[in-house]
Amino acid sequence: MIFVTGGSGFLGSHILEELISQGKSVKALYRNRRLPSYMPPGLSEKITWVQGDILDLVGLSENMAGCEQVVHAAALVSFDPSDKKKLFKNNIEGTANLVNTAIELGITDFVHVSSVGALGNADGSEPINEEKKWLGNNGLTHYSISKYYAEMEVWRGMGEGLTPLIVNPVVQLGFGDWNETSCAMFKAAFQEFPWFMNGRNGFADVRDTARAMVALMNSGVRNERFIINAENRTYLEIFTWMAKGFGKKPPAKKAGALIASLAWRIEKIKSGFSDVKPLITQESVAIVQKQAVYDAQKMLRALPDFRFRPLEDSILEVCSRYLENLKNA
């Protein structure tokens, strides 16, 4: 039995789908019973769902009892500075709780879904690989910092008996709720958001990331971390492909530093008059300005038969699914 956290999230739900497709027995933790509308019909019934919270040690111990492997995919993702305490509590303390409970129950096989954000700052001078050293918190988002220290909890667990596998995914693209996560990029493209920035990042189809992660789990490799990245692309390329898939105009106005700084400040002021989180923050603007390039050769050496979908083809397919969903809404 595999114990999975974060199974109702975007990447987590695809991990569940991949595990179930391979005939695995899965117990998935949820905080509320709202499951993703994009989860394939019939999948939920093949999963043993248990209600709980990664911050509840007693509940974790009860729910994890009898399991042989942990897949920790639950995390808070936010680039709003006001969420700093929540990020640290959920991502660091929550991971520590899972590590400690696994050790207490004698579960040594621990798979941790981290992020390339945990690898530190990217300046584009050379591709980032798994050997990159953390050079301190300066200039990094609170999310990246929280994921780095969450990884430290997993490595600490290795010294206490765990045999962990850590994966560091890039930006995930796929069909989901386009009001949340990276899926919101598709909504922005559909609405013909006119601005773009010169930043570059790693991107992968979420289905490929789930497939690669489970393949690494099945390979038996442990006490290692792996970047999962299909292609390094500019945000302009990604949004242009999305616009093509929707039959919309691609962004054509380059947003310089002044416009970007005005945008997040205006959003901050607007959010102060409502309970709605700002759509653009200083941290999110900084991310799309960075020249981040990630090297996934280690993963491809470990899985020599693995192939990623071409990213443009993947985006066009996903756009078709969003259009079909809108038609049937």
C-alpha atoms as a PDB file:
ATOM      1  CA  MET A   1       0.000   0.000   0.000  1.00  0.00           C
ATOM      2  CA  ILE A   2       1.329   3.427  -1.009  1.00  0.00           C
ATOM      3  CA  PHE A   3       0.383   6.422   1.143  1.00  0.00           C
ATOM      4  CA  VAL A   4       0.020   9.586  -0.987  1.00  0.00           C
ATOM      5  CA  THR A   5      -0.363  13.172   0.178  1.00  0.00           C
ATOM      6  CA  GLY A   6      -1.513  15.958  -2.141  1.00  0.00           C
ATOM      7  CA  GLY A   7      -3.518  13.580  -4.328  1.00  0.00           C
ATOM      8  CA  SER A   8      -6.264  16.126  -4.909  1.00  0.00           C
ATOM      9  CA  GLY A   9      -3.754  18.639  -6.310  1.00  0.00           C
ATOM     10  CA  PHE A  10      -2.789  19.187  -9.939  1.00  0.00           C
ATOM     11  CA  LEU A  11       0.383  17.076 -10.073  1.00  0.00           C
ATOM     12  CA  GLY A  12      -0.780  14.807  -7.256  1.00  0.00           C
ATOM     13  CA  SER A  13      -3.928  13.716  -9.097  1.00  0.00           C
ATOM     14  CA  HIS A  14      -1.834  12.713 -12.115  1.00  0.00           C
ATOM     15  CA  ILE A  15       0.518  10.767  -9.841  1.00  0.00           C
ATOM     16  CA  LEU A  16      -2.504   8.888  -8.493  1.00  0.00           C
ATOM     17  CA  GLU A  17      -3.686   8.171 -12.031  1.00  0.00           C
ATOM     18  CA  GLU A  18      -0.274   6.804 -12.999  1.00  0.00           C
ATOM     19  CA  LEU A  19      -0.027   4.622  -9.892  1.00  0.00           C
ATOM     20  CA  ILE A  20      -3.528   3.195 -10.366  1.00  0.00           C
ATOM     21  CA  SER A  21      -2.863   2.520 -14.065  1.00  0.00           C
ATOM     22  CA  GLN A  22       0.020   0.302 -12.950  1.00  0.00           C
ATOM     23  CA  GLY A  23      -2.175  -1.650 -10.539  1.00  0.00           C
ATOM     24  CA  LYS A  24      -0.762  -0.135  -7.343  1.00  0.00           C
ATOM     25  CA  SER A  25      -2.757  -0.078  -4.106  1.00  0.00           C
ATOM     26  CA  VAL A  26      -3.081   3.518  -2.985  1.00  0.00           C
ATOM     27  CA  LYS A  27      -4.272   5.276   0.144  1.00  0.00           C
ATOM     28  CA  ALA A  28      -4.623   9.033  -0.423  1.00  0.00           C
ATOM     29  CA  LEU A  29      -4.880  11.757   2.204  1.00  0.00           C
ATOM     30  CA  TYR A  30      -7.344  14.617   1.751  1.00  0.00           C
ATOM     31  CA  ARG A  31      -8.358  17.593   3.896  1.00  0.00           C
ATOM     32  CA  ASN A  32     -11.778  18.032   2.287  1.00  0.00           C
ATOM     33  CA  ARG A  33     -13.662  15.771  -0.102  1.00  0.00           C
ATOM     34  CA  ARG A  34     -13.496  18.162  -3.066  1.00  0.00           C
ATOM     35  CA  LEU A  35     -11.755  16.198  -5.799  1.00  0.00           C
ATOM     36  CA  PRO A  36     -10.552  17.699  -9.088  1.00  0.00           C
ATOM     37  CA  SER A  37     -13.256  17.851 -11.760  1.00  0.00           C
ATOM     38  CA  TYR A  38     -10.614  16.830 -14.318  1.00  0.00           C
ATOM     39  CA  MET A  39      -9.867  13.545 -12.532  1.00  0.00           C
ATOM     40  CA  PRO A  40     -10.800  10.684 -14.925  1.00  0.00           C
ATOM     41  CA  PRO A  41     -14.169   9.029 -14.228  1.00  0.00           C
ATOM     42  CA  GLY A  42     -13.867   5.948 -12.046  1.00  0.00           C
ATOM     43  CA  LEU A  43     -10.367   6.748 -10.764  1.00  0.00           C
ATOM     44  CA  SER A  44     -11.479   7.967  -7.345  1.00  0.00           C
ATOM     45  CA  GLU A  45     -13.300   4.695  -6.611  1.00  0.00           C
ATOM     46  CA  LYS A  46     -10.037   2.758  -7.001  1.00  0.00           C
ATOM     47  CA  ILE A  47      -8.345   4.780  -4.250  1.00  0.00           C
ATOM     48  CA  THR A  48      -8.696   4.421  -0.487  1.00  0.00           C
ATOM     49  CA  TRP A  49      -9.310   7.993   0.683  1.00  0.00           C
ATOM     50  CA  VAL A  50      -8.576   9.025   4.267  1.00  0.00           C
ATOM     51  CA  GLN A  51      -9.301  12.423   5.753  1.00  0.00           C
ATOM     52  CA  GLY A  52      -6.517  14.171   7.621  1.00  0.00           C
ATOM     53  CA  ASP A  53      -3.843  16.831   7.656  1.00  0.00           C
ATOM     54  CA  ILE A  54      -0.055  16.636   7.411  1.00  0.00           C
ATOM     55  CA  LEU A  55       0.114  18.946  10.443  1.00  0.00           C
ATOM     56  CA  ASP A  56      -1.745  16.388  12.590  1.00  0.00           C
ATOM     57  CA  LEU A  57       0.834  13.907  13.902  1.00  0.00           C
ATOM     58  CA  VAL A  58      -1.660  11.591  15.598  1.00  0.00           C
ATOM     59  CA  GLY A  59      -3.854  11.429  12.520  1.00  0.00           C
ATOM     60  CA  LEU A  60      -0.874  10.783  10.275  1.00  0.00           C
ATOM     61  CA  SER A  61       0.255   7.868  12.408  1.00  0.00           C
ATOM     62  CA  GLU A  62      -3.204   6.302  12.208  1.00  0.00           C
ATOM     63  CA  ASN A  63      -3.581   6.847   8.466  1.00  0.00           C
ATOM     64  CA  MET A  64      -0.069   5.711   7.501  1.00  0.00           C
ATOM     65  CA  ALA A  65      -0.175   2.517   9.556  1.00  0.00           C
ATOM     66  CA  GLY A  66       0.104  -0.558   7.342  1.00  0.00           C
ATOM     67  CA  CYS A  67       1.599   1.297   4.367  1.00  0.00           C
ATOM     68  CA  GLU A  68       4.952   0.348   2.846  1.00  0.00           C
ATOM     69  CA  GLN A  69       5.771   3.486   0.876  1.00  0.00           C
ATOM     70  CA  VAL A  70       5.091   7.234   1.179  1.00  0.00           C
ATOM     71  CA  VAL A  71       4.678   9.654  -1.736  1.00  0.00           C
ATOM     72  CA  HIS A  72       4.644  13.181  -0.365  1.00  0.00           C
ATOM     73  CA  ALA A  73       3.194  15.531  -2.993  1.00  0.00           C
ATOM     74  CA  ALA A  74       1.278  17.907  -0.721  1.00  0.00           C
ATOM     75  CA  ALA A  75       2.564  21.473  -0.588  1.00  0.00           C
ATOM     76  CA  LEU A  76       1.292  25.008  -0.418  1.00  0.00           C
ATOM     77  CA  VAL A  77       2.277  26.988  -3.512  1.00  0.00           C
ATOM     78  CA  SER A  78       2.057  30.762  -3.185  1.00  0.00           C
ATOM     79  CA  PHE A  79       4.080  33.768  -4.273  1.00  0.00           C
ATOM     80  CA  ASP A  80       2.188  36.141  -2.010  1.00  0.00           C
ATOM     81  CA  PRO A  81       4.588  37.401   0.719  1.00  0.00           C
ATOM     82  CA  SER A  82       1.728  37.432   3.229  1.00  0.00           C
ATOM     83  CA  ASP A  83       1.639  33.604   3.037  1.00  0.00           C
ATOM     84  CA  LYS A  84       5.181  33.180   4.382  1.00  0.00           C
ATOM     85  CA  LYS A  85       4.140  31.639   7.721  1.00  0.00           C
ATOM     86  CA  LYS A  86       1.667  29.275   6.041  1.00  0.00           C
ATOM     87  CA  LEU A  87       4.296  28.208   3.497  1.00  0.00           C
ATOM     88  CA  PHE A  88       6.849  27.417   6.166  1.00  0.00           C
ATOM     89  CA  LYS A  89       4.367  25.611   8.396  1.00  0.00           C
ATOM     90  CA  ASN A  90       2.808  23.477   5.669  1.00  0.00           C
ATOM     91  CA  ASN A  91       5.867  22.759   3.560  1.00  0.00           C
ATOM     92  CA  ILE A  92       8.578  22.423   6.209  1.00  0.00           C
ATOM     93  CA  GLU A  93       6.747  21.319   9.343  1.00  0.00           C
ATOM     94  CA  GLY A  94       4.357  19.147   7.316  1.00  0.00           C
ATOM     95  CA  THR A  95       7.268  17.355   5.629  1.00  0.00           C
ATOM     96  CA  ALA A  96       9.021  16.903   8.971  1.00  0.00           C
ATOM     97  CA  ASN A  97       5.855  15.327  10.358  1.00  0.00           C
ATOM     98  CA  LEU A  98       5.674  12.833   7.507  1.00  0.00           C
ATOM     99  CA  VAL A  99       9.367  11.979   7.807  1.00  0.00           C
ATOM    100  CA  ASN A 100       9.101  11.465  11.563  1.00  0.00           C
ATOM    101  CA  THR A 101       5.932   9.383  11.283  1.00  0.00           C
ATOM    102  CA  ALA A 102       7.424   7.189   8.570  1.00  0.00           C
ATOM    103  CA  ILE A 103      10.510   6.540  10.729  1.00  0.00           C
ATOM    104  CA  GLU A 104       8.327   5.792  13.742  1.00  0.00           C
ATOM    105  CA  LEU A 105       6.258   3.275  11.734  1.00  0.00           C
ATOM    106  CA  GLY A 106       9.275   1.678  10.073  1.00  0.00           C
ATOM    107  CA  ILE A 107       8.384   2.911   6.573  1.00  0.00           C
ATOM    108  CA  THR A 108      11.736   3.498   4.907  1.00  0.00           C
ATOM    109  CA  ASP A 109      10.670   4.071   1.262  1.00  0.00           C
ATOM    110  CA  PHE A 110       9.933   7.812   1.069  1.00  0.00           C
ATOM    111  CA  VAL A 111       9.315   9.681  -2.202  1.00  0.00           C
ATOM    112  CA  HIS A 112       9.332  13.462  -1.904  1.00  0.00           C
ATOM    113  CA  VAL A 113       7.969  15.803  -4.572  1.00  0.00           C
ATOM    114  CA  SER A 114      10.096  18.905  -4.248  1.00  0.00           C
ATOM    115  CA  SER A 115      10.587  21.676  -6.834  1.00  0.00           C
ATOM    116  CA  VAL A 116      13.353  23.183  -8.928  1.00  0.00           C
ATOM    117  CA  GLY A 117      12.776  26.173  -6.656  1.00  0.00           C
ATOM    118  CA  ALA A 118      14.620  24.203  -3.970  1.00  0.00           C
ATOM    119  CA  LEU A 119      17.775  24.302  -6.115  1.00  0.00           C
ATOM    120  CA  GLY A 120      18.328  27.999  -5.496  1.00  0.00           C
ATOM    121  CA  ASN A 121      18.730  31.037  -7.683  1.00  0.00           C
ATOM    122  CA  ALA A 122      18.942  30.840 -11.461  1.00  0.00           C
ATOM    123  CA  ASP A 123      20.827  33.451 -13.452  1.00  0.00           C
ATOM    124  CA  GLY A 124      21.028  31.727 -16.843  1.00  0.00           C
ATOM    125  CA  SER A 125      24.839  31.607 -16.828  1.00  0.00           C
ATOM    126  CA  GLU A 126      24.783  27.794 -16.990  1.00  0.00           C
ATOM    127  CA  PRO A 127      22.190  25.004 -16.779  1.00  0.00           C
ATOM    128  CA  ILE A 128      21.204  24.010 -13.253  1.00  0.00           C
ATOM    129  CA  ASN A 129      21.596  20.363 -12.302  1.00  0.00           C
ATOM    130  CA  GLU A 130      21.133  18.338  -9.136  1.00  0.00           C
ATOM    131  CA  GLU A 131      24.600  19.247  -7.852  1.00  0.00           C
ATOM    132  CA  LYS A 132      23.846  22.958  -7.532  1.00  0.00           C
ATOM    133  CA  LYS A 133      24.715  24.285  -4.090  1.00  0.00           C
ATOM    134  CA  TRP A 134      22.288  26.371  -2.065  1.00  0.00           C
ATOM    135  CA  LEU A 135      23.891  29.783  -1.694  1.00  0.00           C
ATOM    136  CA  GLY A 136      21.498  31.218   0.864  1.00  0.00           C
ATOM    137  CA  ASN A 137      17.993  32.636   0.957  1.00  0.00           C
ATOM    138  CA  ASN A 138      18.733  36.082  -0.436  1.00  0.00           C
ATOM    139  CA  GLY A 139      16.652  36.980  -3.493  1.00  0.00           C
ATOM    140  CA  LEU A 140      14.550  33.815  -3.387  1.00  0.00           C
ATOM    141  CA  THR A 141      10.801  33.410  -2.973  1.00  0.00           C
ATOM    142  CA  HIS A 142       9.380  32.195   0.322  1.00  0.00           C
ATOM    143  CA  TYR A 143       8.049  29.193  -1.602  1.00  0.00           C
ATOM    144  CA  SER A 144      11.535  28.228  -2.820  1.00  0.00           C
ATOM    145  CA  ILE A 145      12.972  28.642   0.667  1.00  0.00           C
ATOM    146  CA  SER A 146      10.218  26.482   2.159  1.00  0.00           C
ATOM    147  CA  LYS A 147      10.851  23.718  -0.394  1.00  0.00           C
ATOM    148  CA  TYR A 148      14.597  23.800   0.241  1.00  0.00           C
ATOM    149  CA  TYR A 149      14.147  23.328   3.978  1.00  0.00           C
ATOM    150  CA  ALA A 150      11.504  20.664   3.347  1.00  0.00           C
ATOM    151  CA  GLU A 151      14.155  18.765   1.386  1.00  0.00           C
ATOM    152  CA  MET A 152      16.524  19.170   4.331  1.00  0.00           C
ATOM    153  CA  GLU A 153      13.983  17.347   6.487  1.00  0.00           C
ATOM    154  CA  VAL A 154      13.973  14.457   4.015  1.00  0.00           C
ATOM    155  CA  TRP A 155      17.786  14.282   3.909  1.00  0.00           C
ATOM    156  CA  ARG A 156      17.791  14.413   7.706  1.00  0.00           C
ATOM    157  CA  GLY A 157      15.444  11.422   7.624  1.00  0.00           C
ATOM    158  CA  MET A 158      17.957   9.550   5.476  1.00  0.00           C
ATOM    159  CA  GLY A 159      20.350   9.701   8.406  1.00  0.00           C
ATOM    160  CA  GLU A 160      17.639   8.140  10.566  1.00  0.00           C
ATOM    161  CA  GLY A 161      16.751   5.203   8.340  1.00  0.00           C
ATOM    162  CA  LEU A 162      14.825   6.540   5.348  1.00  0.00           C
ATOM    163  CA  THR A 163      15.833   5.641   1.790  1.00  0.00           C
ATOM    164  CA  PRO A 164      14.395   8.684   0.010  1.00  0.00           C
ATOM    165  CA  LEU A 165      13.829   9.559  -3.620  1.00  0.00           C
ATOM    166  CA  ILE A 166      13.477  13.286  -4.319  1.00  0.00           C
ATOM    167  CA  VAL A 167      12.144  14.699  -7.578  1.00  0.00           C
ATOM    168  CA  ASN A 168      12.432  18.359  -8.570  1.00  0.00           C
ATOM    169  CA  PRO A 169       9.789  19.178 -11.209  1.00  0.00           C
ATOM    170  CA  VAL A 170       9.745  22.334 -13.315  1.00  0.00           C
ATOM    171  CA  VAL A 171       6.594  24.289 -14.277  1.00  0.00           C
ATOM    172  CA  GLN A 172       3.765  21.848 -14.951  1.00  0.00           C
ATOM    173  CA  LEU A 173       1.494  22.291 -17.975  1.00  0.00           C
ATOM    174  CA  GLY A 174      -1.705  20.383 -18.551  1.00  0.00           C
ATOM    175  CA  PHE A 175      -5.475  20.229 -18.374  1.00  0.00           C
ATOM    176  CA  GLY A 176      -6.856  21.218 -14.998  1.00  0.00           C
ATOM    177  CA  ASP A 177      -8.618  24.067 -13.237  1.00  0.00           C
ATOM    178  CA  TRP A 178      -7.403  27.090 -15.170  1.00  0.00           C
ATOM    179  CA  ASN A 179      -8.202  29.359 -12.243  1.00  0.00           C
ATOM    180  CA  GLU A 180      -5.417  27.735 -10.220  1.00  0.00           C
ATOM    181  CA  THR A 181      -1.740  26.769 -10.363  1.00  0.00           C
ATOM    182  CA  SER A 182       0.163  26.971 -13.647  1.00  0.00           C
ATOM    183  CA  CYS A 183      -3.086  26.131 -15.470  1.00  0.00           C
ATOM    184  CA  ALA A 184      -3.903  29.844 -15.128  1.00  0.00           C
ATOM    185  CA  MET A 185      -1.382  30.443 -17.922  1.00  0.00           C
ATOM    186  CA  PHE A 186      -3.822  28.841 -20.356  1.00  0.00           C
ATOM    187  CA  LYS A 187      -6.617  31.137 -19.181  1.00  0.00           C
ATOM    188  CA  ALA A 188      -4.374  34.181 -19.632  1.00  0.00           C
ATOM    189  CA  ALA A 189      -3.558  33.076 -23.185  1.00  0.00           C
ATOM    190  CA  PHE A 190      -7.235  32.431 -23.958  1.00  0.00           C
ATOM    191  CA  GLN A 191      -8.106  35.939 -22.738  1.00  0.00           C
ATOM    192  CA  GLU A 192      -5.336  37.370 -24.948  1.00  0.00           C
ATOM    193  CA  PHE A 193      -3.256  38.855 -22.149  1.00  0.00           C
ATOM    194  CA  PRO A 194      -1.116  41.280 -24.176  1.00  0.00           C
ATOM    195  CA  TRP A 195       2.081  41.544 -22.105  1.00  0.00           C
ATOM    196  CA  PHE A 196       5.115  39.296 -21.995  1.00  0.00           C
ATOM    197  CA  MET A 197       8.454  39.273 -20.195  1.00  0.00           C
ATOM    198  CA  ASN A 198      11.822  37.935 -21.336  1.00  0.00           C
ATOM    199  CA  GLY A 199      12.111  35.210 -18.719  1.00  0.00           C
ATOM    200  CA  ARG A 200      12.922  31.567 -19.406  1.00  0.00           C
ATOM    201  CA  ASN A 201      12.073  28.461 -17.406  1.00  0.00           C
ATOM    202  CA  GLY A 202      11.778  24.698 -17.562  1.00  0.00           C
ATOM    203  CA  PHE A 203       8.405  23.211 -18.544  1.00  0.00           C
ATOM    204  CA  ALA A 204       6.903  19.722 -18.785  1.00  0.00           C
ATOM    205  CA  ASP A 205       3.560  18.098 -19.461  1.00  0.00           C
ATOM    206  CA  VAL A 206       2.162  17.137 -16.055  1.00  0.00           C
ATOM    207  CA  ARG A 207       1.372  13.630 -17.337  1.00  0.00           C
ATOM    208  CA  ASP A 208       5.018  13.132 -18.296  1.00  0.00           C
ATOM    209  CA  THR A 209       6.185  14.337 -14.892  1.00  0.00           C
ATOM    210  CA  ALA A 210       3.915  11.836 -13.126  1.00  0.00           C
ATOM    211  CA  ARG A 211       5.058   9.080 -15.501  1.00  0.00           C
ATOM    212  CA  ALA A 212       8.739   9.891 -14.981  1.00  0.00           C
ATOM    213  CA  MET A 213       8.352  10.048 -11.229  1.00  0.00           C
ATOM    214  CA  VAL A 214       6.629   6.664 -10.983  1.00  0.00           C
ATOM    215  CA  ALA A 215       9.209   5.177 -13.352  1.00  0.00           C
ATOM    216  CA  LEU A 216      11.968   6.399 -11.023  1.00  0.00           C
ATOM    217  CA  MET A 217      10.081   4.884  -8.079  1.00  0.00           C
ATOM    218  CA  ASN A 218       9.868   1.555  -9.896  1.00  0.00           C
ATOM    219  CA  SER A 219      13.544   1.651 -10.899  1.00  0.00           C
ATOM    220  CA  GLY A 220      14.594   1.200  -7.281  1.00  0.00           C
ATOM    221  CA  VAL A 221      16.992   4.153  -7.298  1.00  0.00           C
ATOM    222  CA  ARG A 222      17.050   5.829  -3.885  1.00  0.00           C
ATOM    223  CA  ASN A 223      19.071   8.360  -1.876  1.00  0.00           C
ATOM    224  CA  GLU A 224      19.113  10.584  -4.983  1.00  0.00           C
ATOM    225  CA  ARG A 225      17.334  13.643  -6.376  1.00  0.00           C
ATOM    226  CA  PHE A 226      16.253  14.127  -9.981  1.00  0.00           C
ATOM    227  CA  ILE A 227      15.229  17.189 -11.975  1.00  0.00           C
ATOM    228  CA  ILE A 228      12.223  16.415 -14.210  1.00  0.00           C
ATOM    229  CA  ASN A 229      12.229  18.814 -17.159  1.00  0.00           C
ATOM    230  CA  ALA A 230      11.097  18.387 -20.758  1.00  0.00           C
ATOM    231  CA  GLU A 231      12.235  21.659 -22.343  1.00  0.00           C
ATOM    232  CA  ASN A 232      13.685  25.038 -21.398  1.00  0.00           C
ATOM    233  CA  ARG A 233      11.585  27.708 -23.088  1.00  0.00           C
ATOM    234  CA  THR A 234      10.837  31.415 -22.827  1.00  0.00           C
ATOM    235  CA  TYR A 235       7.475  32.435 -21.452  1.00  0.00           C
ATOM    236  CA  LEU A 236       6.815  34.157 -24.776  1.00  0.00           C
ATOM    237  CA  GLU A 237       7.230  30.843 -26.623  1.00  0.00           C
ATOM    238  CA  ILE A 238       4.867  29.096 -24.208  1.00  0.00           C
ATOM    239  CA  PHE A 239       2.177  31.780 -24.443  1.00  0.00           C
ATOM    240  CA  THR A 240       2.527  31.943 -28.232  1.00  0.00           C
ATOM    241  CA  TRP A 241       1.880  28.183 -28.502  1.00  0.00           C
ATOM    242  CA  MET A 242      -1.098  28.510 -26.165  1.00  0.00           C
ATOM    243  CA  ALA A 243      -2.509  31.373 -28.232  1.00  0.00           C
ATOM    244  CA  LYS A 244      -2.060  29.250 -31.367  1.00  0.00           C
ATOM    245  CA  GLY A 245      -3.951  26.383 -29.733  1.00  0.00           C
ATOM    246  CA  PHE A 246      -6.852  28.667 -28.847  1.00  0.00           C
ATOM    247  CA  GLY A 247      -6.855  30.624 -32.105  1.00  0.00           C
ATOM    248  CA  LYS A 248      -6.082  33.802 -30.166  1.00  0.00           C
ATOM    249  CA  LYS A 249      -3.590  36.642 -30.512  1.00  0.00           C
ATOM    250  CA  PRO A 250      -0.228  35.980 -28.832  1.00  0.00           C
ATOM    251  CA  PRO A 251       1.211  38.570 -26.435  1.00  0.00           C
ATOM    252  CA  ALA A 252       2.923  41.367 -28.328  1.00  0.00           C
ATOM    253  CA  LYS A 253       3.813  43.999 -25.723  1.00  0.00           C
ATOM    254  CA  LYS A 254       7.086  43.578 -23.867  1.00  0.00           C
ATOM    255  CA  ALA A 255       6.740  44.496 -20.201  1.00  0.00           C
ATOM    256  CA  GLY A 256       9.839  46.260 -18.951  1.00  0.00           C
ATOM    257  CA  ALA A 257      10.932  46.578 -15.341  1.00  0.00           C
ATOM    258  CA  LEU A 258       8.882  49.745 -14.761  1.00  0.00           C
ATOM    259  CA  ILE A 259       5.616  48.294 -16.057  1.00  0.00           C
ATOM    260  CA  ALA A 260       6.193  45.060 -14.128  1.00  0.00           C
ATOM    261  CA  SER A 261       6.832  46.929 -10.873  1.00  0.00           C
ATOM    262  CA  LEU A 262       3.714  49.046 -11.392  1.00  0.00           C
ATOM    263  CA  ALA A 263       1.630  45.910 -12.089  1.00  0.00           C
ATOM    264  CA  TRP A 264       2.411  44.146  -8.822  1.00  0.00           C
ATOM    265  CA  ARG A 265       2.022  47.353  -6.803  1.00  0.00           C
ATOM    266  CA  ILE A 266      -1.411  48.006  -8.328  1.00  0.00           C
ATOM    267  CA  GLU A 267      -2.449  44.414  -7.580  1.00  0.00           C
ATOM    268  CA  LYS A 268      -1.276  44.796  -3.992  1.00  0.00           C
ATOM    269  CA  ILE A 269      -3.356  47.956  -3.559  1.00  0.00           C
ATOM    270  CA  LYS A 270      -6.420  46.303  -5.118  1.00  0.00           C
ATOM    271  CA  SER A 271      -6.122  43.259  -2.847  1.00  0.00           C
ATOM    272  CA  GLY A 272      -6.042  45.581   0.163  1.00  0.00           C
ATOM    273  CA  PHE A 273      -9.643  46.555  -0.574  1.00  0.00           C
ATOM    274  CA  SER A 274     -10.896  42.982  -0.891  1.00  0.00           C
ATOM    275  CA  ASP A 275     -10.302  39.448   0.363  1.00  0.00           C
ATOM    276  CA  VAL A 276      -8.993  38.360  -3.034  1.00  0.00           C
ATOM    277  CA  LYS A 277      -5.323  37.425  -3.284  1.00  0.00           C
ATOM    278  CA  PRO A 278      -3.318  39.563  -5.730  1.00  0.00           C
ATOM    279  CA  LEU A 279      -2.953  37.999  -9.179  1.00  0.00           C
ATOM    280  CA  ILE A 280       0.534  39.456  -9.595  1.00  0.00           C
ATOM    281  CA  THR A 281       3.083  39.845  -6.794  1.00  0.00           C
ATOM    282  CA  GLN A 282       6.644  41.068  -6.559  1.00  0.00           C
ATOM    283  CA  GLU A 283       7.793  37.455  -6.284  1.00  0.00           C
ATOM    284  CA  SER A 284       5.823  36.226  -9.303  1.00  0.00           C
ATOM    285  CA  VAL A 285       7.158  39.105 -11.412  1.00  0.00           C
ATOM    286  CA  ALA A 286      10.715  38.229 -10.374  1.00  0.00           C
ATOM    287  CA  ILE A 287      10.175  34.600 -11.418  1.00  0.00           C
ATOM    288  CA  VAL A 288       9.093  35.393 -14.985  1.00  0.00           C
ATOM    289  CA  GLN A 289      12.085  37.711 -15.392  1.00  0.00           C
ATOM    290  CA  LYS A 290      14.672  35.059 -14.518  1.00  0.00           C
ATOM    291  CA  GLN A 291      16.677  33.129 -17.110  1.00  0.00           C
ATOM    292  CA  ALA A 292      16.322  29.653 -15.589  1.00  0.00           C
ATOM    293  CA  VAL A 293      17.676  26.654 -17.514  1.00  0.00           C
ATOM    294  CA  TYR A 294      17.467  23.146 -16.024  1.00  0.00           C
ATOM    295  CA  ASP A 295      19.434  20.040 -16.974  1.00  0.00           C
ATOM    296  CA  ALA A 296      17.454  16.775 -16.768  1.00  0.00           C
ATOM    297  CA  GLN A 297      20.207  14.500 -18.103  1.00  0.00           C
ATOM    298  CA  LYS A 298      20.533  12.633 -14.811  1.00  0.00           C
ATOM    299  CA  MET A 299      16.895  11.543 -15.007  1.00  0.00           C
ATOM    300  CA  LEU A 300      17.225  10.539 -18.659  1.00  0.00           C
ATOM    301  CA  ARG A 301      20.311   8.441 -17.859  1.00  0.00           C
ATOM    302  CA  ALA A 302      18.378   6.683 -15.094  1.00  0.00           C
ATOM    303  CA  LEU A 303      15.429   6.092 -17.478  1.00  0.00           C
ATOM    304  CA  PRO A 304      17.071   5.534 -20.904  1.00  0.00           C
ATOM    305  CA  ASP A 305      13.781   4.520 -22.570  1.00  0.00           C
ATOM    306  CA  PHE A 306      11.809   7.517 -21.298  1.00  0.00           C
ATOM    307  CA  ARG A 307      10.641  10.135 -23.789  1.00  0.00           C
ATOM    308  CA  PHE A 308       8.909  13.451 -23.097  1.00  0.00           C
ATOM    309  CA  ARG A 309       6.112  14.677 -25.339  1.00  0.00           C
ATOM    310  CA  PRO A 310       7.214  17.591 -27.553  1.00  0.00           C
ATOM    311  CA  LEU A 311       6.041  20.586 -25.560  1.00  0.00           C
ATOM    312  CA  GLU A 312       4.350  22.417 -28.436  1.00  0.00           C
ATOM    313  CA  ASP A 313       2.325  19.308 -29.326  1.00  0.00           C
ATOM    314  CA  SER A 314       1.366  18.864 -25.693  1.00  0.00           C
ATOM    315  CA  ILE A 315       0.199  22.480 -25.356  1.00  0.00           C
ATOM    316  CA  LEU A 316      -1.899  22.305 -28.534  1.00  0.00           C
ATOM    317  CA  GLU A 317      -3.561  19.112 -27.281  1.00  0.00           C
ATOM    318  CA  VAL A 318      -4.285  20.647 -23.880  1.00  0.00           C
ATOM    319  CA  CYS A 319      -5.765  23.765 -25.513  1.00  0.00           C
ATOM    320  CA  SER A 320      -8.165  21.500 -27.417  1.00  0.00           C
ATOM    321  CA  ARG A 321      -9.285  19.943 -24.135  1.00  0.00           C
ATOM    322  CA  TYR A 322      -9.903  23.354 -22.582  1.00  0.00           C
ATOM    323  CA  LEU A 323     -11.928  24.420 -25.638  1.00  0.00           C
ATOM    324  CA  GLU A 324     -13.981  21.237 -25.465  1.00  0.00           C
ATOM    325  CA  ASN A 325     -14.556  21.808 -21.755  1.00  0.00           C
ATOM    326  CA  LEU A 326     -15.771  25.369 -22.427  1.00  0.00           C
ATOM    327  CA  LYS A 327     -18.131  24.105 -25.127  1.00  0.00           C
ATOM    328  CA  ASN A 328     -19.670  21.561 -22.733  1.00  0.00           C
ATOM    329  CA  ALA A 329     -19.861  23.915 -19.733  1.00  0.00           C
END
